[in-house]
Structure formats: C-alpha cells, structure tokens
N, C-alpha and C. Protein backbone atom coordinates (compact mmCIF):
# COMPACT_ATOMS: atom_id res chain seq x y z
N MET A 1 7.05 -75.21 -19.47
CA MET A 1 6.20 -76.37 -19.44
C MET A 1 4.73 -75.98 -19.31
N LYS A 2 4.44 -74.98 -18.44
CA LYS A 2 3.07 -74.53 -18.25
C LYS A 2 2.50 -73.97 -19.55
N GLN A 3 3.34 -73.29 -20.32
CA GLN A 3 2.91 -72.70 -21.58
C GLN A 3 2.53 -73.80 -22.57
N LYS A 4 3.29 -74.89 -22.64
CA LYS A 4 2.98 -76.01 -23.53
C LYS A 4 1.67 -76.66 -23.12
N ASN A 5 1.48 -76.85 -21.82
CA ASN A 5 0.24 -77.46 -21.32
C ASN A 5 -0.96 -76.58 -21.64
N PHE A 6 -0.80 -75.27 -21.47
CA PHE A 6 -1.89 -74.35 -21.78
C PHE A 6 -2.22 -74.41 -23.27
N PHE A 7 -1.20 -74.39 -24.11
CA PHE A 7 -1.39 -74.47 -25.56
C PHE A 7 -2.09 -75.77 -25.94
N LEU A 8 -1.63 -76.89 -25.40
CA LEU A 8 -2.22 -78.18 -25.69
C LEU A 8 -3.68 -78.24 -25.23
N ALA A 9 -3.95 -77.72 -24.04
CA ALA A 9 -5.32 -77.70 -23.52
C ALA A 9 -6.22 -76.84 -24.40
N THR A 10 -5.70 -75.72 -24.90
CA THR A 10 -6.46 -74.83 -25.78
C THR A 10 -6.77 -75.52 -27.10
N VAL A 11 -5.78 -76.20 -27.66
CA VAL A 11 -5.98 -76.92 -28.92
C VAL A 11 -7.03 -78.02 -28.75
N ILE A 12 -6.92 -78.78 -27.66
CA ILE A 12 -7.89 -79.85 -27.40
C ILE A 12 -9.30 -79.27 -27.22
N ALA A 13 -9.40 -78.16 -26.51
CA ALA A 13 -10.70 -77.51 -26.30
C ALA A 13 -11.30 -77.04 -27.62
N LEU A 14 -10.48 -76.47 -28.49
CA LEU A 14 -10.97 -76.01 -29.79
C LEU A 14 -11.43 -77.17 -30.66
N ILE A 15 -10.66 -78.25 -30.66
CA ILE A 15 -11.04 -79.43 -31.43
C ILE A 15 -12.36 -80.00 -30.91
N THR A 16 -12.49 -80.08 -29.60
CA THR A 16 -13.73 -80.58 -29.00
C THR A 16 -14.90 -79.68 -29.36
N LEU A 17 -14.71 -78.38 -29.29
CA LEU A 17 -15.77 -77.43 -29.62
C LEU A 17 -16.18 -77.56 -31.09
N LEU A 18 -15.22 -77.63 -31.98
CA LEU A 18 -15.52 -77.77 -33.40
C LEU A 18 -16.24 -79.08 -33.70
N THR A 19 -15.83 -80.14 -33.01
CA THR A 19 -16.49 -81.43 -33.19
C THR A 19 -17.94 -81.35 -32.72
N MET A 20 -18.17 -80.72 -31.58
CA MET A 20 -19.53 -80.58 -31.05
C MET A 20 -20.40 -79.75 -31.97
N VAL A 21 -19.87 -78.67 -32.49
CA VAL A 21 -20.62 -77.83 -33.41
C VAL A 21 -20.95 -78.61 -34.68
N GLY A 22 -19.99 -79.33 -35.21
CA GLY A 22 -20.22 -80.13 -36.41
C GLY A 22 -21.27 -81.20 -36.20
N CYS A 23 -21.26 -81.84 -35.05
CA CYS A 23 -22.24 -82.89 -34.75
C CYS A 23 -23.62 -82.31 -34.49
N ALA A 24 -23.68 -81.07 -33.99
CA ALA A 24 -24.97 -80.46 -33.69
C ALA A 24 -25.77 -80.18 -34.96
N GLN A 25 -25.10 -79.99 -36.07
CA GLN A 25 -25.79 -79.75 -37.33
C GLN A 25 -26.19 -81.10 -37.89
N SER A 26 -27.50 -81.35 -37.89
CA SER A 26 -27.96 -82.66 -38.33
C SER A 26 -27.88 -82.78 -39.85
N ALA A 27 -27.60 -83.97 -40.27
CA ALA A 27 -27.52 -84.26 -41.70
C ALA A 27 -28.92 -84.22 -42.29
N PRO A 28 -29.05 -83.82 -43.55
CA PRO A 28 -30.37 -83.81 -44.17
C PRO A 28 -30.97 -85.22 -44.20
N VAL A 29 -32.28 -85.27 -44.11
CA VAL A 29 -33.00 -86.53 -44.20
C VAL A 29 -33.73 -86.53 -45.54
N TYR A 30 -33.60 -87.62 -46.29
CA TYR A 30 -34.18 -87.70 -47.62
C TYR A 30 -35.28 -88.75 -47.66
N ALA A 31 -36.36 -88.43 -48.36
CA ALA A 31 -37.43 -89.40 -48.60
C ALA A 31 -36.93 -90.41 -49.61
N GLN A 32 -37.37 -91.64 -49.46
CA GLN A 32 -36.96 -92.73 -50.35
C GLN A 32 -38.19 -93.51 -50.80
N GLY A 33 -38.03 -94.27 -51.86
CA GLY A 33 -39.06 -95.20 -52.30
C GLY A 33 -40.41 -94.55 -52.56
N THR A 34 -41.46 -95.18 -52.05
CA THR A 34 -42.83 -94.72 -52.27
C THR A 34 -43.05 -93.32 -51.71
N GLU A 35 -42.45 -93.04 -50.56
CA GLU A 35 -42.60 -91.71 -49.96
C GLU A 35 -42.05 -90.64 -50.91
N LYS A 36 -40.89 -90.89 -51.47
CA LYS A 36 -40.29 -89.95 -52.43
C LYS A 36 -41.17 -89.82 -53.67
N ASP A 37 -41.62 -90.95 -54.19
CA ASP A 37 -42.47 -90.95 -55.39
C ASP A 37 -43.75 -90.14 -55.16
N ASN A 38 -44.37 -90.30 -53.99
CA ASN A 38 -45.60 -89.57 -53.68
C ASN A 38 -45.34 -88.07 -53.56
N ALA A 39 -44.22 -87.69 -52.95
CA ALA A 39 -43.88 -86.27 -52.83
C ALA A 39 -43.63 -85.66 -54.20
N VAL A 40 -42.90 -86.38 -55.05
CA VAL A 40 -42.62 -85.90 -56.41
C VAL A 40 -43.92 -85.75 -57.20
N ALA A 41 -44.81 -86.74 -57.08
CA ALA A 41 -46.09 -86.68 -57.80
C ALA A 41 -46.94 -85.50 -57.33
N ALA A 42 -46.91 -85.22 -56.04
CA ALA A 42 -47.69 -84.09 -55.51
C ALA A 42 -47.11 -82.76 -55.95
N ALA A 43 -45.78 -82.67 -56.00
CA ALA A 43 -45.13 -81.40 -56.35
C ALA A 43 -45.12 -81.13 -57.85
N ALA A 44 -45.16 -82.16 -58.66
CA ALA A 44 -44.98 -82.00 -60.11
C ALA A 44 -45.92 -80.99 -60.76
N PRO A 45 -47.24 -81.09 -60.57
CA PRO A 45 -48.11 -80.11 -61.25
C PRO A 45 -47.94 -78.69 -60.71
N LEU A 46 -47.63 -78.57 -59.42
CA LEU A 46 -47.41 -77.25 -58.82
C LEU A 46 -46.15 -76.61 -59.40
N THR A 47 -45.12 -77.43 -59.53
CA THR A 47 -43.85 -76.97 -60.09
C THR A 47 -44.03 -76.56 -61.54
N GLN A 48 -44.76 -77.37 -62.29
CA GLN A 48 -44.98 -77.06 -63.70
C GLN A 48 -45.72 -75.73 -63.86
N ASP A 49 -46.72 -75.48 -63.00
CA ASP A 49 -47.43 -74.20 -63.05
C ASP A 49 -46.47 -73.03 -62.80
N MET A 50 -45.58 -73.18 -61.83
CA MET A 50 -44.64 -72.09 -61.55
C MET A 50 -43.68 -71.87 -62.72
N LEU A 51 -43.14 -72.95 -63.26
CA LEU A 51 -42.21 -72.82 -64.40
C LEU A 51 -42.91 -72.23 -65.62
N ASP A 52 -44.13 -72.69 -65.89
CA ASP A 52 -44.90 -72.13 -67.00
C ASP A 52 -45.21 -70.65 -66.76
N GLY A 53 -45.54 -70.32 -65.52
CA GLY A 53 -45.83 -68.93 -65.18
C GLY A 53 -44.64 -68.02 -65.42
N ILE A 54 -43.45 -68.50 -65.08
CA ILE A 54 -42.24 -67.71 -65.32
C ILE A 54 -42.02 -67.54 -66.82
N GLN A 55 -42.13 -68.62 -67.58
CA GLN A 55 -41.90 -68.57 -69.03
C GLN A 55 -42.91 -67.67 -69.73
N LYS A 56 -44.15 -67.68 -69.25
CA LYS A 56 -45.22 -66.91 -69.89
C LYS A 56 -45.41 -65.53 -69.26
N ASN A 57 -44.59 -65.22 -68.24
CA ASN A 57 -44.74 -63.97 -67.49
C ASN A 57 -46.18 -63.82 -66.99
N ASP A 58 -46.68 -64.89 -66.36
CA ASP A 58 -48.07 -64.96 -65.90
C ASP A 58 -48.07 -65.20 -64.39
N PHE A 59 -48.24 -64.13 -63.64
CA PHE A 59 -48.20 -64.22 -62.18
C PHE A 59 -49.34 -65.08 -61.64
N ALA A 60 -50.51 -65.00 -62.23
CA ALA A 60 -51.65 -65.80 -61.75
C ALA A 60 -51.34 -67.30 -61.88
N LEU A 61 -50.77 -67.72 -62.99
CA LEU A 61 -50.40 -69.12 -63.18
C LEU A 61 -49.27 -69.51 -62.23
N PHE A 62 -48.27 -68.66 -62.12
CA PHE A 62 -47.13 -68.91 -61.24
C PHE A 62 -47.56 -69.14 -59.80
N SER A 63 -48.51 -68.36 -59.32
CA SER A 63 -48.86 -68.35 -57.90
C SER A 63 -50.15 -69.11 -57.57
N LYS A 64 -50.77 -69.74 -58.53
CA LYS A 64 -52.10 -70.33 -58.29
C LYS A 64 -52.11 -71.46 -57.28
N ASP A 65 -50.97 -72.11 -57.05
CA ASP A 65 -50.91 -73.23 -56.12
C ASP A 65 -50.23 -72.88 -54.80
N PHE A 66 -50.09 -71.59 -54.50
CA PHE A 66 -49.44 -71.15 -53.28
C PHE A 66 -50.36 -71.30 -52.08
N ASP A 67 -49.77 -71.61 -50.92
CA ASP A 67 -50.56 -71.58 -49.69
C ASP A 67 -50.67 -70.13 -49.23
N ALA A 68 -51.41 -69.88 -48.15
CA ALA A 68 -51.67 -68.51 -47.69
C ALA A 68 -50.38 -67.75 -47.37
N SER A 69 -49.40 -68.42 -46.78
CA SER A 69 -48.14 -67.75 -46.44
C SER A 69 -47.38 -67.31 -47.69
N MET A 70 -47.36 -68.17 -48.70
CA MET A 70 -46.67 -67.83 -49.94
C MET A 70 -47.39 -66.72 -50.70
N VAL A 71 -48.72 -66.72 -50.63
CA VAL A 71 -49.48 -65.64 -51.29
C VAL A 71 -49.07 -64.29 -50.69
N LYS A 72 -48.90 -64.26 -49.36
CA LYS A 72 -48.49 -63.02 -48.70
C LYS A 72 -47.04 -62.67 -49.02
N ALA A 73 -46.18 -63.69 -49.11
CA ALA A 73 -44.75 -63.46 -49.29
C ALA A 73 -44.37 -63.09 -50.72
N MET A 74 -45.05 -63.68 -51.71
CA MET A 74 -44.68 -63.46 -53.11
C MET A 74 -45.64 -62.47 -53.76
N THR A 75 -45.15 -61.27 -53.94
CA THR A 75 -45.96 -60.22 -54.57
C THR A 75 -45.70 -60.20 -56.08
N GLN A 76 -46.49 -59.41 -56.76
CA GLN A 76 -46.28 -59.21 -58.19
C GLN A 76 -44.87 -58.67 -58.45
N ASP A 77 -44.41 -57.75 -57.60
CA ASP A 77 -43.07 -57.20 -57.76
C ASP A 77 -42.00 -58.27 -57.59
N GLY A 78 -42.19 -59.15 -56.63
CA GLY A 78 -41.25 -60.26 -56.44
C GLY A 78 -41.23 -61.17 -57.65
N PHE A 79 -42.40 -61.45 -58.17
CA PHE A 79 -42.50 -62.27 -59.38
C PHE A 79 -41.81 -61.59 -60.55
N ASN A 80 -42.02 -60.30 -60.71
CA ASN A 80 -41.38 -59.56 -61.80
C ASN A 80 -39.85 -59.65 -61.70
N SER A 81 -39.33 -59.64 -60.48
CA SER A 81 -37.89 -59.78 -60.28
C SER A 81 -37.40 -61.15 -60.72
N ILE A 82 -38.19 -62.20 -60.43
CA ILE A 82 -37.82 -63.55 -60.85
C ILE A 82 -37.81 -63.64 -62.36
N VAL A 83 -38.84 -63.12 -63.00
CA VAL A 83 -38.92 -63.17 -64.47
C VAL A 83 -37.72 -62.43 -65.08
N LYS A 84 -37.40 -61.28 -64.52
CA LYS A 84 -36.25 -60.50 -65.02
C LYS A 84 -34.95 -61.28 -64.81
N GLN A 85 -34.81 -61.94 -63.66
CA GLN A 85 -33.62 -62.74 -63.36
C GLN A 85 -33.49 -63.91 -64.33
N PHE A 86 -34.61 -64.54 -64.70
CA PHE A 86 -34.59 -65.70 -65.58
C PHE A 86 -34.40 -65.34 -67.05
N ALA A 87 -34.70 -64.12 -67.46
CA ALA A 87 -34.64 -63.73 -68.87
C ALA A 87 -33.32 -64.08 -69.55
N PRO A 88 -32.17 -63.79 -68.94
CA PRO A 88 -30.90 -64.12 -69.61
C PRO A 88 -30.60 -65.62 -69.67
N TYR A 89 -31.34 -66.44 -68.95
CA TYR A 89 -31.08 -67.88 -68.94
C TYR A 89 -31.49 -68.55 -70.24
N GLY A 90 -32.30 -67.86 -71.05
CA GLY A 90 -32.76 -68.44 -72.31
C GLY A 90 -33.98 -69.31 -72.13
N ASP A 91 -34.17 -70.23 -73.04
CA ASP A 91 -35.35 -71.09 -73.04
C ASP A 91 -35.20 -72.21 -72.01
N PHE A 92 -36.31 -72.57 -71.42
CA PHE A 92 -36.35 -73.70 -70.50
C PHE A 92 -36.18 -74.97 -71.31
N LYS A 93 -35.27 -75.85 -70.87
CA LYS A 93 -35.00 -77.10 -71.57
C LYS A 93 -35.55 -78.31 -70.82
N SER A 94 -35.26 -78.40 -69.51
CA SER A 94 -35.70 -79.59 -68.77
C SER A 94 -35.62 -79.38 -67.27
N SER A 95 -36.33 -80.25 -66.57
CA SER A 95 -36.21 -80.32 -65.11
C SER A 95 -35.99 -81.78 -64.75
N GLU A 96 -35.22 -81.99 -63.70
CA GLU A 96 -34.88 -83.34 -63.27
C GLU A 96 -34.88 -83.36 -61.74
N ILE A 97 -35.48 -84.38 -61.15
CA ILE A 97 -35.50 -84.51 -59.70
C ILE A 97 -34.07 -84.78 -59.20
N VAL A 98 -33.65 -84.00 -58.22
CA VAL A 98 -32.36 -84.23 -57.58
C VAL A 98 -32.57 -85.11 -56.36
N ASN A 99 -33.48 -84.69 -55.48
CA ASN A 99 -33.81 -85.44 -54.28
C ASN A 99 -35.04 -84.82 -53.62
N VAL A 100 -35.51 -85.48 -52.58
CA VAL A 100 -36.63 -84.97 -51.78
C VAL A 100 -36.18 -84.99 -50.33
N GLN A 101 -36.03 -83.81 -49.76
CA GLN A 101 -35.64 -83.69 -48.36
C GLN A 101 -36.89 -83.65 -47.49
N ILE A 102 -36.76 -84.20 -46.28
CA ILE A 102 -37.81 -84.08 -45.28
C ILE A 102 -37.34 -83.03 -44.28
N VAL A 103 -38.11 -81.94 -44.19
CA VAL A 103 -37.76 -80.85 -43.30
C VAL A 103 -38.97 -80.58 -42.41
N SER A 104 -38.89 -81.07 -41.19
CA SER A 104 -39.98 -80.93 -40.24
C SER A 104 -41.25 -81.58 -40.81
N THR A 105 -42.28 -80.80 -41.06
CA THR A 105 -43.54 -81.35 -41.59
C THR A 105 -43.70 -81.06 -43.08
N TYR A 106 -42.58 -80.85 -43.76
CA TYR A 106 -42.60 -80.51 -45.18
C TYR A 106 -41.64 -81.37 -45.98
N TYR A 107 -41.94 -81.49 -47.25
CA TYR A 107 -40.99 -82.03 -48.22
C TYR A 107 -40.40 -80.85 -48.97
N ARG A 108 -39.13 -80.93 -49.25
CA ARG A 108 -38.50 -79.96 -50.15
C ARG A 108 -38.05 -80.78 -51.36
N VAL A 109 -38.78 -80.62 -52.45
CA VAL A 109 -38.49 -81.35 -53.67
C VAL A 109 -37.51 -80.50 -54.47
N ASN A 110 -36.30 -81.02 -54.64
CA ASN A 110 -35.24 -80.28 -55.31
C ASN A 110 -35.10 -80.74 -56.75
N TYR A 111 -35.13 -79.77 -57.64
CA TYR A 111 -35.04 -80.01 -59.08
C TYR A 111 -33.78 -79.38 -59.65
N LYS A 112 -33.20 -80.04 -60.62
CA LYS A 112 -32.14 -79.43 -61.43
C LYS A 112 -32.85 -78.87 -62.65
N LEU A 113 -32.76 -77.55 -62.82
CA LEU A 113 -33.39 -76.89 -63.97
C LEU A 113 -32.31 -76.57 -64.99
N THR A 114 -32.61 -76.91 -66.23
CA THR A 114 -31.68 -76.62 -67.31
C THR A 114 -32.34 -75.65 -68.28
N TYR A 115 -31.68 -74.52 -68.45
CA TYR A 115 -32.08 -73.51 -69.43
C TYR A 115 -30.97 -73.45 -70.47
N THR A 116 -31.20 -72.77 -71.55
CA THR A 116 -30.20 -72.67 -72.60
C THR A 116 -28.85 -72.18 -72.06
N ASN A 117 -28.88 -71.18 -71.18
CA ASN A 117 -27.65 -70.54 -70.72
C ASN A 117 -27.31 -70.77 -69.25
N LYS A 118 -28.07 -71.60 -68.56
CA LYS A 118 -27.81 -71.77 -67.12
C LYS A 118 -28.44 -73.06 -66.61
N VAL A 119 -27.76 -73.67 -65.66
CA VAL A 119 -28.29 -74.83 -64.94
C VAL A 119 -28.22 -74.50 -63.45
N PHE A 120 -29.31 -74.73 -62.73
CA PHE A 120 -29.33 -74.43 -61.30
C PHE A 120 -30.38 -75.30 -60.61
N THR A 121 -30.47 -75.16 -59.29
CA THR A 121 -31.40 -75.96 -58.50
C THR A 121 -32.56 -75.10 -58.01
N MET A 122 -33.74 -75.69 -58.04
CA MET A 122 -34.93 -75.06 -57.49
C MET A 122 -35.51 -76.01 -56.45
N GLY A 123 -35.83 -75.49 -55.28
CA GLY A 123 -36.47 -76.27 -54.23
C GLY A 123 -37.91 -75.83 -54.05
N VAL A 124 -38.83 -76.78 -54.15
CA VAL A 124 -40.26 -76.51 -53.97
C VAL A 124 -40.69 -77.19 -52.68
N VAL A 125 -41.23 -76.42 -51.75
CA VAL A 125 -41.63 -76.94 -50.45
C VAL A 125 -43.14 -77.15 -50.43
N ILE A 126 -43.53 -78.37 -50.04
CA ILE A 126 -44.95 -78.72 -49.91
C ILE A 126 -45.15 -79.43 -48.57
N PRO A 127 -46.36 -79.37 -48.02
CA PRO A 127 -46.60 -80.06 -46.75
C PRO A 127 -46.59 -81.57 -46.93
N ILE A 128 -46.14 -82.28 -45.91
CA ILE A 128 -46.17 -83.74 -45.95
C ILE A 128 -47.61 -84.23 -45.90
N ASN A 129 -48.42 -83.61 -45.07
CA ASN A 129 -49.82 -84.00 -44.93
C ASN A 129 -50.73 -82.89 -45.43
N GLY A 130 -51.94 -83.26 -45.82
CA GLY A 130 -52.90 -82.27 -46.27
C GLY A 130 -52.84 -82.03 -47.76
N THR A 131 -53.52 -81.01 -48.18
CA THR A 131 -53.60 -80.66 -49.59
C THR A 131 -52.27 -80.11 -50.06
N PRO A 132 -51.73 -80.65 -51.16
CA PRO A 132 -50.48 -80.11 -51.68
C PRO A 132 -50.63 -78.64 -52.08
N ALA A 133 -49.72 -77.83 -51.63
CA ALA A 133 -49.66 -76.41 -51.97
C ALA A 133 -48.22 -75.97 -51.80
N VAL A 134 -47.81 -74.98 -52.55
CA VAL A 134 -46.45 -74.47 -52.45
C VAL A 134 -46.33 -73.64 -51.17
N SER A 135 -45.46 -74.11 -50.27
CA SER A 135 -45.24 -73.43 -49.00
C SER A 135 -43.90 -72.72 -48.96
N GLY A 136 -43.05 -72.95 -49.94
CA GLY A 136 -41.74 -72.31 -50.01
C GLY A 136 -41.12 -72.57 -51.37
N LEU A 137 -40.19 -71.69 -51.74
CA LEU A 137 -39.56 -71.78 -53.05
C LEU A 137 -38.16 -71.19 -52.94
N TRP A 138 -37.15 -71.97 -53.42
CA TRP A 138 -35.76 -71.51 -53.39
C TRP A 138 -35.10 -71.77 -54.73
N PHE A 139 -34.19 -70.89 -55.08
CA PHE A 139 -33.35 -71.07 -56.26
C PHE A 139 -31.90 -70.99 -55.80
N ASN A 140 -31.10 -71.95 -56.22
CA ASN A 140 -29.67 -71.96 -55.91
C ASN A 140 -28.88 -72.03 -57.19
C-alpha cells in the first residue's frame, strides 16, 4: 500500500511540476489593428533593404538600417554566410506578413519569404519607440 501511495504522490508531483513549467512560459503577445499596421509600415523599408542587399550581394545596402548593436553583431563575413546560404533558394518571389509579436520594448515583424526553391520565416526586430532600426534578425 505504501508503494502505491508513493507512486501516486510521485505522479501527482510530476503532473503539478509540468503544469507549473508550462504555465510559466508566457504565450506570445501579438500587435493588432493600428499598432500592427504601424509596426509593419516601419519595418517594411528596412526589410526591403535587407532582402535587396542579399539578392544584390551588397552588404552596405543590407546593413544600412541596423542599430549600433546589429552593426557590431553582423560582420561582412556573417553577411557572406547569409548570401551563400540563400544562393540555392533561387530567385526571391514574395514576402508576406505572418504576424507582429510584441517582445519587451520591441516588435518582431515575422514574414513568410518565398523563393523559387524554399519558403521560410524571417523575423525583423525593431524598437517600439524611437527611430525605426533593425535591432535583430532571425531566419527559421
């Protein structure tokens, strides 16, 4: 009987722990309406510069809208790796807004990018307040 009680108590403890861990991870928060539209409008020209820079193999164009942290983080070598990674994807076809996440004091504008041979997501991070500048960049 003691063994059954111990097993049951262990199972209940594990379920409680897993529930607490799951609840501790907050769900993403998304911008809506005018807030979303404003974030998309601010990110659009910056995103276009980066996509054009990749297509034209032009690091200056790619990085011209970076904030100081991104300038330090993204070197010419890093850019060359991105261009090399994108080469097999073929020609750029389109970009489409997926959503706009609110992450602390930033927006992460997520795009679905379609190339001839690949479709994937790109996240462009810009500050909520102040002058729009690229503060982060992700590819999934």
